[in-house]
Amino acid sequence: MCKKIITVISLMALFQISSFAAEEEDNYEMLTGDAKLACEAILCLSSPSRPSECDPALKRYYSIKAKKSSTQARKRQNFLNQCPKVDNSSSGSEGR
């Protein structure tokens, strides 16, 4: 029970932090549409318990269907790939 509470609080904190960061940075662009849902789906799929905030993202993810399971997996991966990735190559974290 305690582990579920911690997971839910962690997910809520991540969503809150992303909202706070968007307000603080002038050049930060708020994610919308499938890119937003893809990022949320990644967080929710990696969590052992899923709060109700996950429902729209997971509904979109699981709505992706295909006749062949390999095609379905590829389409779902393409959806998740819409979440932007951060390029840390210039942050000085190489070799860690």
PDB file of N, CA and C in Angstrom:
ATOM      1  N   MET A   1       0.829  -1.191   0.000  1.00  0.00           N
ATOM      2  CA  MET A   1       0.000   0.000   0.000  1.00  0.00           C
ATOM      3  C   MET A   1       0.875   1.257   0.000  1.00  0.00           C
ATOM      4  N   CYS A   2       1.881   1.262   0.826  1.00  0.00           N
ATOM      5  CA  CYS A   2       2.776   2.413   0.921  1.00  0.00           C
ATOM      6  C   CYS A   2       3.504   2.641  -0.407  1.00  0.00           C
ATOM      7  N   LYS A   3       3.879   1.555  -1.080  1.00  0.00           N
ATOM      8  CA  LYS A   3       4.584   1.660  -2.351  1.00  0.00           C
ATOM      9  C   LYS A   3       3.687   2.304  -3.410  1.00  0.00           C
ATOM     10  N   LYS A   4       2.390   1.966  -3.405  1.00  0.00           N
ATOM     11  CA  LYS A   4       1.454   2.559  -4.352  1.00  0.00           C
ATOM     12  C   LYS A   4       1.317   4.058  -4.104  1.00  0.00           C
ATOM     13  N   ILE A   5       1.242   4.434  -2.853  1.00  0.00           N
ATOM     14  CA  ILE A   5       1.102   5.850  -2.512  1.00  0.00           C
ATOM     15  C   ILE A   5       2.321   6.628  -2.967  1.00  0.00           C
ATOM     16  N   ILE A   6       3.493   6.070  -2.743  1.00  0.00           N
ATOM     17  CA  ILE A   6       4.734   6.729  -3.151  1.00  0.00           C
ATOM     18  C   ILE A   6       4.779   6.869  -4.670  1.00  0.00           C
ATOM     19  N   THR A   7       4.350   5.831  -5.395  1.00  0.00           N
ATOM     20  CA  THR A   7       4.353   5.875  -6.851  1.00  0.00           C
ATOM     21  C   THR A   7       3.406   6.949  -7.362  1.00  0.00           C
ATOM     22  N   VAL A   8       2.218   7.002  -6.795  1.00  0.00           N
ATOM     23  CA  VAL A   8       1.244   8.004  -7.216  1.00  0.00           C
ATOM     24  C   VAL A   8       1.767   9.407  -6.936  1.00  0.00           C
ATOM     25  N   ILE A   9       2.339   9.608  -5.763  1.00  0.00           N
ATOM     26  CA  ILE A   9       2.895  10.916  -5.416  1.00  0.00           C
ATOM     27  C   ILE A   9       4.035  11.281  -6.353  1.00  0.00           C
ATOM     28  N   SER A  10       4.859  10.306  -6.706  1.00  0.00           N
ATOM     29  CA  SER A  10       5.975  10.555  -7.622  1.00  0.00           C
ATOM     30  C   SER A  10       5.478  10.984  -8.996  1.00  0.00           C
ATOM     31  N   LEU A  11       4.466  10.286  -9.514  1.00  0.00           N
ATOM     32  CA  LEU A  11       3.920  10.652 -10.815  1.00  0.00           C
ATOM     33  C   LEU A  11       3.297  12.046 -10.776  1.00  0.00           C
ATOM     34  N   MET A  12       2.573  12.325  -9.716  1.00  0.00           N
ATOM     35  CA  MET A  12       1.964  13.644  -9.591  1.00  0.00           C
ATOM     36  C   MET A  12       3.044  14.723  -9.519  1.00  0.00           C
ATOM     37  N   ALA A  13       4.126  14.429  -8.816  1.00  0.00           N
ATOM     38  CA  ALA A  13       5.225  15.390  -8.723  1.00  0.00           C
ATOM     39  C   ALA A  13       5.864  15.624 -10.093  1.00  0.00           C
ATOM     40  N   LEU A  14       6.032  14.563 -10.874  1.00  0.00           N
ATOM     41  CA  LEU A  14       6.609  14.712 -12.212  1.00  0.00           C
ATOM     42  C   LEU A  14       5.723  15.594 -13.089  1.00  0.00           C
ATOM     43  N   PHE A  15       4.418  15.371 -13.039  1.00  0.00           N
ATOM     44  CA  PHE A  15       3.509  16.193 -13.828  1.00  0.00           C
ATOM     45  C   PHE A  15       3.557  17.638 -13.339  1.00  0.00           C
ATOM     46  N   GLN A  16       3.633  17.847 -12.042  1.00  0.00           N
ATOM     47  CA  GLN A  16       3.681  19.191 -11.476  1.00  0.00           C
ATOM     48  C   GLN A  16       4.993  19.889 -11.833  1.00  0.00           C
ATOM     49  N   ILE A  17       6.097  19.160 -11.764  1.00  0.00           N
ATOM     50  CA  ILE A  17       7.406  19.734 -12.103  1.00  0.00           C
ATOM     51  C   ILE A  17       7.423  20.181 -13.557  1.00  0.00           C
ATOM     52  N   SER A  18       6.858  19.368 -14.449  1.00  0.00           N
ATOM     53  CA  SER A  18       6.851  19.749 -15.855  1.00  0.00           C
ATOM     54  C   SER A  18       6.010  21.001 -16.072  1.00  0.00           C
ATOM     55  N   SER A  19       4.927  21.147 -15.331  1.00  0.00           N
ATOM     56  CA  SER A  19       4.105  22.355 -15.432  1.00  0.00           C
ATOM     57  C   SER A  19       4.871  23.566 -14.907  1.00  0.00           C
ATOM     58  N   PHE A  20       5.560  23.396 -13.789  1.00  0.00           N
ATOM     59  CA  PHE A  20       6.342  24.482 -13.190  1.00  0.00           C
ATOM     60  C   PHE A  20       7.465  24.909 -14.122  1.00  0.00           C
ATOM     61  N   ALA A  21       8.141  23.943 -14.726  1.00  0.00           N
ATOM     62  CA  ALA A  21       9.246  24.257 -15.632  1.00  0.00           C
ATOM     63  C   ALA A  21       8.742  25.043 -16.837  1.00  0.00           C
ATOM     64  N   ALA A  22       7.562  24.714 -17.320  1.00  0.00           N
ATOM     65  CA  ALA A  22       7.000  25.427 -18.466  1.00  0.00           C
ATOM     66  C   ALA A  22       6.737  26.882 -18.136  1.00  0.00           C
ATOM     67  N   GLU A  23       6.338  27.165 -16.914  1.00  0.00           N
ATOM     68  CA  GLU A  23       6.071  28.544 -16.515  1.00  0.00           C
ATOM     69  C   GLU A  23       7.353  29.324 -16.300  1.00  0.00           C
ATOM     70  N   GLU A  24       8.421  28.657 -15.904  1.00  0.00           N
ATOM     71  CA  GLU A  24       9.663  29.338 -15.550  1.00  0.00           C
ATOM     72  C   GLU A  24      10.553  29.678 -16.742  1.00  0.00           C
ATOM     73  N   GLU A  25      10.492  28.879 -17.794  1.00  0.00           N
ATOM     74  CA  GLU A  25      11.389  29.101 -18.919  1.00  0.00           C
ATOM     75  C   GLU A  25      10.655  29.832 -20.041  1.00  0.00           C
ATOM     76  N   ASP A  26      11.239  30.915 -20.503  1.00  0.00           N
ATOM     77  CA  ASP A  26      10.615  31.696 -21.564  1.00  0.00           C
ATOM     78  C   ASP A  26      10.593  30.947 -22.892  1.00  0.00           C
ATOM     79  N   ASN A  27      11.637  30.180 -23.186  1.00  0.00           N
ATOM     80  CA  ASN A  27      11.725  29.511 -24.472  1.00  0.00           C
ATOM     81  C   ASN A  27      11.201  28.076 -24.428  1.00  0.00           C
ATOM     82  N   TYR A  28      10.565  27.699 -23.352  1.00  0.00           N
ATOM     83  CA  TYR A  28      10.020  26.353 -23.224  1.00  0.00           C
ATOM     84  C   TYR A  28       8.669  26.281 -23.919  1.00  0.00           C
ATOM     85  N   GLU A  29       8.497  25.291 -24.750  1.00  0.00           N
ATOM     86  CA  GLU A  29       7.234  25.112 -25.454  1.00  0.00           C
ATOM     87  C   GLU A  29       6.440  23.991 -24.796  1.00  0.00           C
ATOM     88  N   MET A  30       5.217  24.276 -24.382  1.00  0.00           N
ATOM     89  CA  MET A  30       4.371  23.279 -23.739  1.00  0.00           C
ATOM     90  C   MET A  30       3.968  22.227 -24.766  1.00  0.00           C
ATOM     91  N   LEU A  31       4.092  20.975 -24.387  1.00  0.00           N
ATOM     92  CA  LEU A  31       3.707  19.894 -25.277  1.00  0.00           C
ATOM     93  C   LEU A  31       2.190  19.797 -25.342  1.00  0.00           C
ATOM     94  N   THR A  32       1.691  19.454 -26.514  1.00  0.00           N
ATOM     95  CA  THR A  32       0.263  19.262 -26.710  1.00  0.00           C
ATOM     96  C   THR A  32       0.049  18.059 -27.623  1.00  0.00           C
ATOM     97  N   GLY A  33      -1.171  17.631 -27.746  1.00  0.00           N
ATOM     98  CA  GLY A  33      -1.532  16.579 -28.681  1.00  0.00           C
ATOM     99  C   GLY A  33      -0.838  15.259 -28.395  1.00  0.00           C
ATOM    100  N   ASP A  34      -0.479  14.555 -29.477  1.00  0.00           N
ATOM    101  CA  ASP A  34       0.130  13.233 -29.341  1.00  0.00           C
ATOM    102  C   ASP A  34       1.496  13.273 -28.662  1.00  0.00           C
ATOM    103  N   ALA A  35       2.244  14.355 -28.845  1.00  0.00           N
ATOM    104  CA  ALA A  35       3.556  14.442 -28.184  1.00  0.00           C
ATOM    105  C   ALA A  35       3.378  14.446 -26.671  1.00  0.00           C
ATOM    106  N   LYS A  36       2.407  15.193 -26.179  1.00  0.00           N
ATOM    107  CA  LYS A  36       2.117  15.239 -24.744  1.00  0.00           C
ATOM    108  C   LYS A  36       1.640  13.874 -24.255  1.00  0.00           C
ATOM    109  N   LEU A  37       0.702  13.280 -25.002  1.00  0.00           N
ATOM    110  CA  LEU A  37       0.176  11.970 -24.608  1.00  0.00           C
ATOM    111  C   LEU A  37       1.265  10.896 -24.640  1.00  0.00           C
ATOM    112  N   ALA A  38       2.183  10.999 -25.599  1.00  0.00           N
ATOM    113  CA  ALA A  38       3.270  10.019 -25.691  1.00  0.00           C
ATOM    114  C   ALA A  38       4.176  10.101 -24.465  1.00  0.00           C
ATOM    115  N   CYS A  39       4.525  11.308 -24.051  1.00  0.00           N
ATOM    116  CA  CYS A  39       5.369  11.472 -22.866  1.00  0.00           C
ATOM    117  C   CYS A  39       4.661  10.965 -21.614  1.00  0.00           C
ATOM    118  N   GLU A  40       3.385  11.286 -21.490  1.00  0.00           N
ATOM    119  CA  GLU A  40       2.627  10.811 -20.337  1.00  0.00           C
ATOM    120  C   GLU A  40       2.511   9.288 -20.356  1.00  0.00           C
ATOM    121  N   ALA A  41       2.307   8.712 -21.547  1.00  0.00           N
ATOM    122  CA  ALA A  41       2.193   7.256 -21.658  1.00  0.00           C
ATOM    123  C   ALA A  41       3.487   6.572 -21.229  1.00  0.00           C
ATOM    124  N   ILE A  42       4.617   7.139 -21.587  1.00  0.00           N
ATOM    125  CA  ILE A  42       5.903   6.558 -21.183  1.00  0.00           C
ATOM    126  C   ILE A  42       6.004   6.527 -19.662  1.00  0.00           C
ATOM    127  N   LEU A  43       5.653   7.629 -19.013  1.00  0.00           N
ATOM    128  CA  LEU A  43       5.676   7.681 -17.548  1.00  0.00           C
ATOM    129  C   LEU A  43       4.713   6.659 -16.954  1.00  0.00           C
ATOM    130  N   CYS A  44       3.510   6.612 -17.498  1.00  0.00           N
ATOM    131  CA  CYS A  44       2.485   5.740 -16.940  1.00  0.00           C
ATOM    132  C   CYS A  44       2.787   4.265 -17.170  1.00  0.00           C
ATOM    133  N   LEU A  45       3.310   3.932 -18.336  1.00  0.00           N
ATOM    134  CA  LEU A  45       3.643   2.538 -18.620  1.00  0.00           C
ATOM    135  C   LEU A  45       4.799   2.041 -17.764  1.00  0.00           C
ATOM    136  N   SER A  46       5.646   2.951 -17.317  1.00  0.00           N
ATOM    137  CA  SER A  46       6.788   2.541 -16.491  1.00  0.00           C
ATOM    138  C   SER A  46       6.442   2.490 -15.007  1.00  0.00           C
ATOM    139  N   SER A  47       5.225   2.842 -14.668  1.00  0.00           N
ATOM    140  CA  SER A  47       4.807   2.861 -13.269  1.00  0.00           C
ATOM    141  C   SER A  47       4.040   1.595 -12.916  1.00  0.00           C
ATOM    142  N   PRO A  48       4.291   1.019 -11.732  1.00  0.00           N
ATOM    143  CA  PRO A  48       3.552  -0.182 -11.328  1.00  0.00           C
ATOM    144  C   PRO A  48       2.085   0.111 -11.001  1.00  0.00           C
ATOM    145  N   SER A  49       1.774   1.333 -10.600  1.00  0.00           N
ATOM    146  CA  SER A  49       0.377   1.715 -10.373  1.00  0.00           C
ATOM    147  C   SER A  49       0.100   2.965 -11.183  1.00  0.00           C
ATOM    148  N   ARG A  50      -1.107   3.061 -11.674  1.00  0.00           N
ATOM    149  CA  ARG A  50      -1.410   4.157 -12.592  1.00  0.00           C
ATOM    150  C   ARG A  50      -2.554   5.005 -12.068  1.00  0.00           C
ATOM    151  N   PRO A  51      -2.261   6.272 -11.762  1.00  0.00           N
ATOM    152  CA  PRO A  51      -3.321   7.169 -11.301  1.00  0.00           C
ATOM    153  C   PRO A  51      -4.264   7.528 -12.453  1.00  0.00           C
ATOM    154  N   SER A  52      -5.394   8.131 -12.132  1.00  0.00           N
ATOM    155  CA  SER A  52      -6.386   8.470 -13.154  1.00  0.00           C
ATOM    156  C   SER A  52      -5.843   9.454 -14.189  1.00  0.00           C
ATOM    157  N   GLU A  53      -4.785  10.202 -13.840  1.00  0.00           N
ATOM    158  CA  GLU A  53      -4.170  11.122 -14.809  1.00  0.00           C
ATOM    159  C   GLU A  53      -3.590  10.383 -16.007  1.00  0.00           C
ATOM    160  N   CYS A  54      -3.371   9.093 -15.860  1.00  0.00           N
ATOM    161  CA  CYS A  54      -2.808   8.286 -16.944  1.00  0.00           C
ATOM    162  C   CYS A  54      -3.859   7.869 -17.974  1.00  0.00           C
ATOM    163  N   ASP A  55      -5.121   7.959 -17.627  1.00  0.00           N
ATOM    164  CA  ASP A  55      -6.180   7.414 -18.479  1.00  0.00           C
ATOM    165  C   ASP A  55      -6.158   7.921 -19.918  1.00  0.00           C
ATOM    166  N   PRO A  56      -6.084   9.236 -20.171  1.00  0.00           N
ATOM    167  CA  PRO A  56      -6.095   9.686 -21.580  1.00  0.00           C
ATOM    168  C   PRO A  56      -4.898   9.165 -22.388  1.00  0.00           C
ATOM    169  N   ALA A  57      -3.728   9.193 -21.782  1.00  0.00           N
ATOM    170  CA  ALA A  57      -2.523   8.753 -22.496  1.00  0.00           C
ATOM    171  C   ALA A  57      -2.570   7.255 -22.787  1.00  0.00           C
ATOM    172  N   LEU A  58      -2.988   6.478 -21.794  1.00  0.00           N
ATOM    173  CA  LEU A  58      -3.048   5.030 -22.000  1.00  0.00           C
ATOM    174  C   LEU A  58      -4.179   4.645 -22.942  1.00  0.00           C
ATOM    175  N   LYS A  59      -5.267   5.388 -22.914  1.00  0.00           N
ATOM    176  CA  LYS A  59      -6.368   5.132 -23.848  1.00  0.00           C
ATOM    177  C   LYS A  59      -5.882   5.331 -25.277  1.00  0.00           C
ATOM    178  N   ARG A  60      -5.113   6.409 -25.500  1.00  0.00           N
ATOM    179  CA  ARG A  60      -4.560   6.680 -26.838  1.00  0.00           C
ATOM    180  C   ARG A  60      -3.578   5.577 -27.239  1.00  0.00           C
ATOM    181  N   TYR A  61      -2.712   5.172 -26.315  1.00  0.00           N
ATOM    182  CA  TYR A  61      -1.711   4.133 -26.593  1.00  0.00           C
ATOM    183  C   TYR A  61      -2.388   2.808 -26.964  1.00  0.00           C
ATOM    184  N   TYR A  62      -3.352   2.385 -26.137  1.00  0.00           N
ATOM    185  CA  TYR A  62      -4.004   1.096 -26.370  1.00  0.00           C
ATOM    186  C   TYR A  62      -5.014   1.140 -27.517  1.00  0.00           C
ATOM    187  N   SER A  63      -5.354   2.324 -28.001  1.00  0.00           N
ATOM    188  CA  SER A  63      -6.252   2.416 -29.148  1.00  0.00           C
ATOM    189  C   SER A  63      -5.522   2.122 -30.459  1.00  0.00           C
ATOM    190  N   ILE A  64      -4.211   2.098 -30.416  1.00  0.00           N
ATOM    191  CA  ILE A  64      -3.414   1.812 -31.614  1.00  0.00           C
ATOM    192  C   ILE A  64      -3.432   0.307 -31.843  1.00  0.00           C
ATOM    193  N   LYS A  65      -4.106  -0.104 -32.902  1.00  0.00           N
ATOM    194  CA  LYS A  65      -4.264  -1.526 -33.188  1.00  0.00           C
ATOM    195  C   LYS A  65      -3.869  -1.809 -34.629  1.00  0.00           C
ATOM    196  N   ALA A  66      -3.491  -3.054 -34.866  1.00  0.00           N
ATOM    197  CA  ALA A  66      -3.171  -3.519 -36.213  1.00  0.00           C
ATOM    198  C   ALA A  66      -3.458  -5.010 -36.277  1.00  0.00           C
ATOM    199  N   LYS A  67      -3.584  -5.528 -37.478  1.00  0.00           N
ATOM    200  CA  LYS A  67      -3.887  -6.957 -37.630  1.00  0.00           C
ATOM    201  C   LYS A  67      -2.727  -7.824 -37.167  1.00  0.00           C
ATOM    202  N   LYS A  68      -1.517  -7.413 -37.473  1.00  0.00           N
ATOM    203  CA  LYS A  68      -0.332  -8.173 -37.061  1.00  0.00           C
ATOM    204  C   LYS A  68       0.231  -7.571 -35.782  1.00  0.00           C
ATOM    205  N   SER A  69       0.624  -8.427 -34.856  1.00  0.00           N
ATOM    206  CA  SER A  69       1.157  -7.928 -33.581  1.00  0.00           C
ATOM    207  C   SER A  69       2.459  -7.149 -33.793  1.00  0.00           C
ATOM    208  N   SER A  70       3.259  -7.542 -34.771  1.00  0.00           N
ATOM    209  CA  SER A  70       4.506  -6.823 -35.017  1.00  0.00           C
ATOM    210  C   SER A  70       4.230  -5.415 -35.544  1.00  0.00           C
ATOM    211  N   THR A  71       3.207  -5.288 -36.376  1.00  0.00           N
ATOM    212  CA  THR A  71       2.826  -3.976 -36.892  1.00  0.00           C
ATOM    213  C   THR A  71       2.256  -3.111 -35.772  1.00  0.00           C
ATOM    214  N   GLN A  72       1.449  -3.719 -34.915  1.00  0.00           N
ATOM    215  CA  GLN A  72       0.884  -2.988 -33.780  1.00  0.00           C
ATOM    216  C   GLN A  72       1.986  -2.490 -32.853  1.00  0.00           C
ATOM    217  N   ALA A  73       2.966  -3.341 -32.565  1.00  0.00           N
ATOM    218  CA  ALA A  73       4.080  -2.951 -31.696  1.00  0.00           C
ATOM    219  C   ALA A  73       4.868  -1.795 -32.317  1.00  0.00           C
ATOM    220  N   ARG A  74       5.078  -1.852 -33.632  1.00  0.00           N
ATOM    221  CA  ARG A  74       5.816  -0.786 -34.319  1.00  0.00           C
ATOM    222  C   ARG A  74       5.035   0.532 -34.272  1.00  0.00           C
ATOM    223  N   LYS A  75       3.730   0.456 -34.508  1.00  0.00           N
ATOM    224  CA  LYS A  75       2.902   1.662 -34.477  1.00  0.00           C
ATOM    225  C   LYS A  75       2.876   2.270 -33.080  1.00  0.00           C
ATOM    226  N   ARG A  76       2.782   1.431 -32.062  1.00  0.00           N
ATOM    227  CA  ARG A  76       2.791   1.937 -30.691  1.00  0.00           C
ATOM    228  C   ARG A  76       4.139   2.553 -30.344  1.00  0.00           C
ATOM    229  N   GLN A  77       5.222   1.943 -30.812  1.00  0.00           N
ATOM    230  CA  GLN A  77       6.550   2.510 -30.571  1.00  0.00           C
ATOM    231  C   GLN A  77       6.704   3.849 -31.283  1.00  0.00           C
ATOM    232  N   ASN A  78       6.185   3.939 -32.498  1.00  0.00           N
ATOM    233  CA  ASN A  78       6.227   5.214 -33.229  1.00  0.00           C
ATOM    234  C   ASN A  78       5.454   6.293 -32.480  1.00  0.00           C
ATOM    235  N   PHE A  79       4.341   5.919 -31.862  1.00  0.00           N
ATOM    236  CA  PHE A  79       3.589   6.873 -31.053  1.00  0.00           C
ATOM    237  C   PHE A  79       4.434   7.347 -29.876  1.00  0.00           C
ATOM    238  N   LEU A  80       5.054   6.415 -29.152  1.00  0.00           N
ATOM    239  CA  LEU A  80       5.884   6.783 -28.003  1.00  0.00           C
ATOM    240  C   LEU A  80       7.079   7.628 -28.424  1.00  0.00           C
ATOM    241  N   ASN A  81       7.591   7.404 -29.622  1.00  0.00           N
ATOM    242  CA  ASN A  81       8.740   8.170 -30.117  1.00  0.00           C
ATOM    243  C   ASN A  81       8.406   9.641 -30.380  1.00  0.00           C
ATOM    244  N   GLN A  82       7.129  10.007 -30.335  1.00  0.00           N
ATOM    245  CA  GLN A  82       6.746  11.403 -30.518  1.00  0.00           C
ATOM    246  C   GLN A  82       7.094  12.258 -29.301  1.00  0.00           C
ATOM    247  N   CYS A  83       7.417  11.619 -28.197  1.00  0.00           N
ATOM    248  CA  CYS A  83       7.856  12.355 -27.012  1.00  0.00           C
ATOM    249  C   CYS A  83       9.272  12.855 -27.284  1.00  0.00           C
ATOM    250  N   PRO A  84       9.491  14.171 -27.234  1.00  0.00           N
ATOM    251  CA  PRO A  84      10.821  14.707 -27.529  1.00  0.00           C
ATOM    252  C   PRO A  84      11.876  14.191 -26.555  1.00  0.00           C
ATOM    253  N   LYS A  85      13.040  13.999 -27.073  1.00  0.00           N
ATOM    254  CA  LYS A  85      14.156  13.542 -26.248  1.00  0.00           C
ATOM    255  C   LYS A  85      15.116  14.704 -26.037  1.00  0.00           C
ATOM    256  N   VAL A  86      15.757  14.714 -24.893  1.00  0.00           N
ATOM    257  CA  VAL A  86      16.719  15.771 -24.584  1.00  0.00           C
ATOM    258  C   VAL A  86      18.085  15.323 -25.065  1.00  0.00           C
ATOM    259  N   ASP A  87      18.789  16.210 -25.743  1.00  0.00           N
ATOM    260  CA  ASP A  87      20.143  15.931 -26.208  1.00  0.00           C
ATOM    261  C   ASP A  87      21.119  16.364 -25.122  1.00  0.00           C
ATOM    262  N   ASN A  88      21.674  15.401 -24.403  1.00  0.00           N
ATOM    263  CA  ASN A  88      22.605  15.698 -23.322  1.00  0.00           C
ATOM    264  C   ASN A  88      24.055  15.658 -23.777  1.00  0.00           C
ATOM    265  N   SER A  89      24.296  15.592 -25.087  1.00  0.00           N
ATOM    266  CA  SER A  89      25.658  15.441 -25.575  1.00  0.00           C
ATOM    267  C   SER A  89      26.541  16.645 -25.242  1.00  0.00           C
ATOM    268  N   SER A  90      25.956  17.815 -25.072  1.00  0.00           N
ATOM    269  CA  SER A  90      26.769  19.006 -24.776  1.00  0.00           C
ATOM    270  C   SER A  90      26.713  19.392 -23.300  1.00  0.00           C
ATOM    271  N   SER A  91      26.117  18.533 -22.447  1.00  0.00           N
ATOM    272  CA  SER A  91      25.971  18.903 -21.034  1.00  0.00           C
ATOM    273  C   SER A  91      27.171  18.499 -20.191  1.00  0.00           C
ATOM    274  N   GLY A  92      28.152  17.869 -20.792  1.00  0.00           N
ATOM    275  CA  GLY A  92      29.336  17.491 -20.045  1.00  0.00           C
ATOM    276  C   GLY A  92      29.170  16.229 -19.229  1.00  0.00           C
ATOM    277  N   SER A  93      28.161  15.409 -19.559  1.00  0.00           N
ATOM    278  CA  SER A  93      27.921  14.190 -18.794  1.00  0.00           C
ATOM    279  C   SER A  93      28.494  12.955 -19.455  1.00  0.00           C
ATOM    280  N   GLU A  94      29.308  13.142 -20.495  1.00  0.00           N
ATOM    281  CA  GLU A  94      29.924  11.998 -21.149  1.00  0.00           C
ATOM    282  C   GLU A  94      30.909  11.326 -20.199  1.00  0.00           C
ATOM    283  N   GLY A  95      30.948   9.996 -20.319  1.00  0.00           N
ATOM    284  CA  GLY A  95      31.928   9.248 -19.544  1.00  0.00           C
ATOM    285  C   GLY A  95      31.489   8.937 -18.126  1.00  0.00           C
ATOM    286  N   ARG A  96      30.247   9.264 -17.805  1.00  0.00           N
ATOM    287  CA  ARG A  96      29.743   8.971 -16.451  1.00  0.00           C
ATOM    288  C   ARG A  96      29.076   7.648 -16.403  1.00  0.00           C
TER     289      ARG A  96
END
